[in-house]
Amino acid sequence: MRKYELMVIFPLEEDQHKEGRERLLADLANVNAEIEKTDEMGDRDLAYEIKKRTRGRYVLFTVKINPAAITNLDRVFKLNSNLVKYLFVRLEE
């Protein structure tokens, strides 16, 4: 398992944020990912408009996950309409 940072931008609407977060955590649990740390970064302006949104709620997760599962998660996250944007970044050991 490798360590990754997962930056996620959720919609500002509370119900969409809650549903999107629950689904994201369930998807991570399905691939046996270990969430080490969660940083709530708050509501911020987006650098450019995404899905007709100019603001989003940023959350940074530090996770340990099998690299082969990243491709599967990428496909699953694209289907989650309650995620505005996400990015996996591998951390150095």
Protein backbone atom coordinates (compact mmCIF):
# COMPACT_ATOMS: atom_id res chain seq x y z
CA MET A 1 0.00 0.00 0.00
CA ARG A 2 1.17 3.48 -0.83
CA LYS A 3 0.36 6.81 0.73
CA TYR A 4 -1.66 9.33 -1.29
CA GLU A 5 -3.25 12.71 -0.75
CA LEU A 6 -6.77 12.92 -2.11
CA MET A 7 -8.04 16.47 -2.63
CA VAL A 8 -11.79 16.60 -3.13
CA ILE A 9 -14.05 19.55 -3.93
CA PHE A 10 -17.65 19.05 -2.86
CA PRO A 11 -20.65 21.27 -3.68
CA LEU A 12 -21.56 23.92 -1.11
CA GLU A 13 -25.10 22.61 -0.63
CA GLU A 14 -25.16 20.72 2.68
CA ASP A 15 -27.20 17.74 1.45
CA GLN A 16 -24.99 17.22 -1.62
CA HIS A 17 -21.85 17.61 0.48
CA LYS A 18 -23.03 15.06 3.04
CA GLU A 19 -24.19 12.54 0.43
CA GLY A 20 -21.03 12.95 -1.64
CA ARG A 21 -18.79 12.51 1.38
CA GLU A 22 -20.63 9.38 2.57
CA ARG A 23 -20.42 7.84 -0.88
CA LEU A 24 -16.71 8.72 -1.20
CA LEU A 25 -15.92 7.15 2.18
CA ALA A 26 -17.89 4.02 1.21
CA ASP A 27 -16.01 3.77 -2.10
CA LEU A 28 -12.68 4.07 -0.26
CA ALA A 29 -13.76 1.38 2.22
CA ASN A 30 -14.70 -0.94 -0.67
CA VAL A 31 -11.07 -0.98 -1.86
CA ASN A 32 -9.70 -1.34 1.71
CA ALA A 33 -8.19 2.14 1.82
CA GLU A 34 -7.00 3.39 5.22
CA ILE A 35 -7.83 7.04 5.89
CA GLU A 36 -5.04 8.42 8.06
CA LYS A 37 -6.04 12.08 8.19
CA THR A 38 -8.86 14.38 7.07
CA ASP A 39 -8.37 18.13 6.69
CA GLU A 40 -11.43 20.32 6.24
CA MET A 41 -10.13 23.29 4.25
CA GLY A 42 -13.43 25.14 4.10
CA ASP A 43 -15.33 26.92 1.34
CA ARG A 44 -13.19 28.57 -1.34
CA ASP A 45 -13.47 30.14 -4.75
CA LEU A 46 -12.58 27.89 -7.66
CA ALA A 47 -9.83 29.04 -10.04
CA TYR A 48 -12.26 28.56 -12.93
CA GLU A 49 -15.89 27.54 -13.32
CA ILE A 50 -16.49 23.78 -13.01
CA LYS A 51 -19.93 22.30 -13.68
CA LYS A 52 -21.42 25.82 -13.49
CA ARG A 53 -19.98 26.35 -9.99
CA THR A 54 -17.63 29.09 -8.85
CA ARG A 55 -17.20 27.96 -5.21
CA GLY A 56 -16.68 24.62 -3.54
CA ARG A 57 -15.98 22.94 -0.20
CA TYR A 58 -12.42 21.58 -0.12
CA VAL A 59 -11.43 18.48 1.87
CA LEU A 60 -7.96 16.88 1.91
CA PHE A 61 -7.67 13.18 2.80
CA THR A 62 -4.40 11.35 3.49
CA VAL A 63 -4.97 7.70 2.61
CA LYS A 64 -3.05 4.45 2.28
CA ILE A 65 -4.27 2.53 -0.72
CA ASN A 66 -3.20 -0.14 -3.17
CA PRO A 67 -2.04 1.61 -6.40
CA ALA A 68 -4.04 -0.83 -8.54
CA ALA A 69 -7.26 0.42 -6.88
CA ILE A 70 -6.70 4.01 -8.05
CA THR A 71 -7.93 3.21 -11.57
CA ASN A 72 -11.12 1.65 -10.21
CA LEU A 73 -11.70 4.59 -7.84
CA ASP A 74 -11.20 7.04 -10.69
CA ARG A 75 -14.02 5.36 -12.61
CA VAL A 76 -16.30 5.26 -9.56
CA PHE A 77 -15.62 8.89 -8.57
CA LYS A 78 -16.52 10.08 -12.08
CA LEU A 79 -19.98 8.59 -11.57
CA ASN A 80 -20.47 10.41 -8.25
CA SER A 81 -22.41 13.55 -9.18
CA ASN A 82 -21.79 15.02 -5.71
CA LEU A 83 -18.07 15.49 -6.37
CA VAL A 84 -17.11 18.65 -8.23
CA LYS A 85 -13.45 17.63 -8.68
CA TYR A 86 -10.86 15.29 -7.15
CA LEU A 87 -7.15 14.57 -7.47
CA PHE A 88 -4.87 11.80 -6.20
CA VAL A 89 -1.25 12.75 -5.48
CA ARG A 90 1.30 10.12 -4.42
CA LEU A 91 3.34 11.05 -1.34
CA GLU A 92 7.00 10.17 -1.07
CA GLU A 93 7.89 7.66 1.64
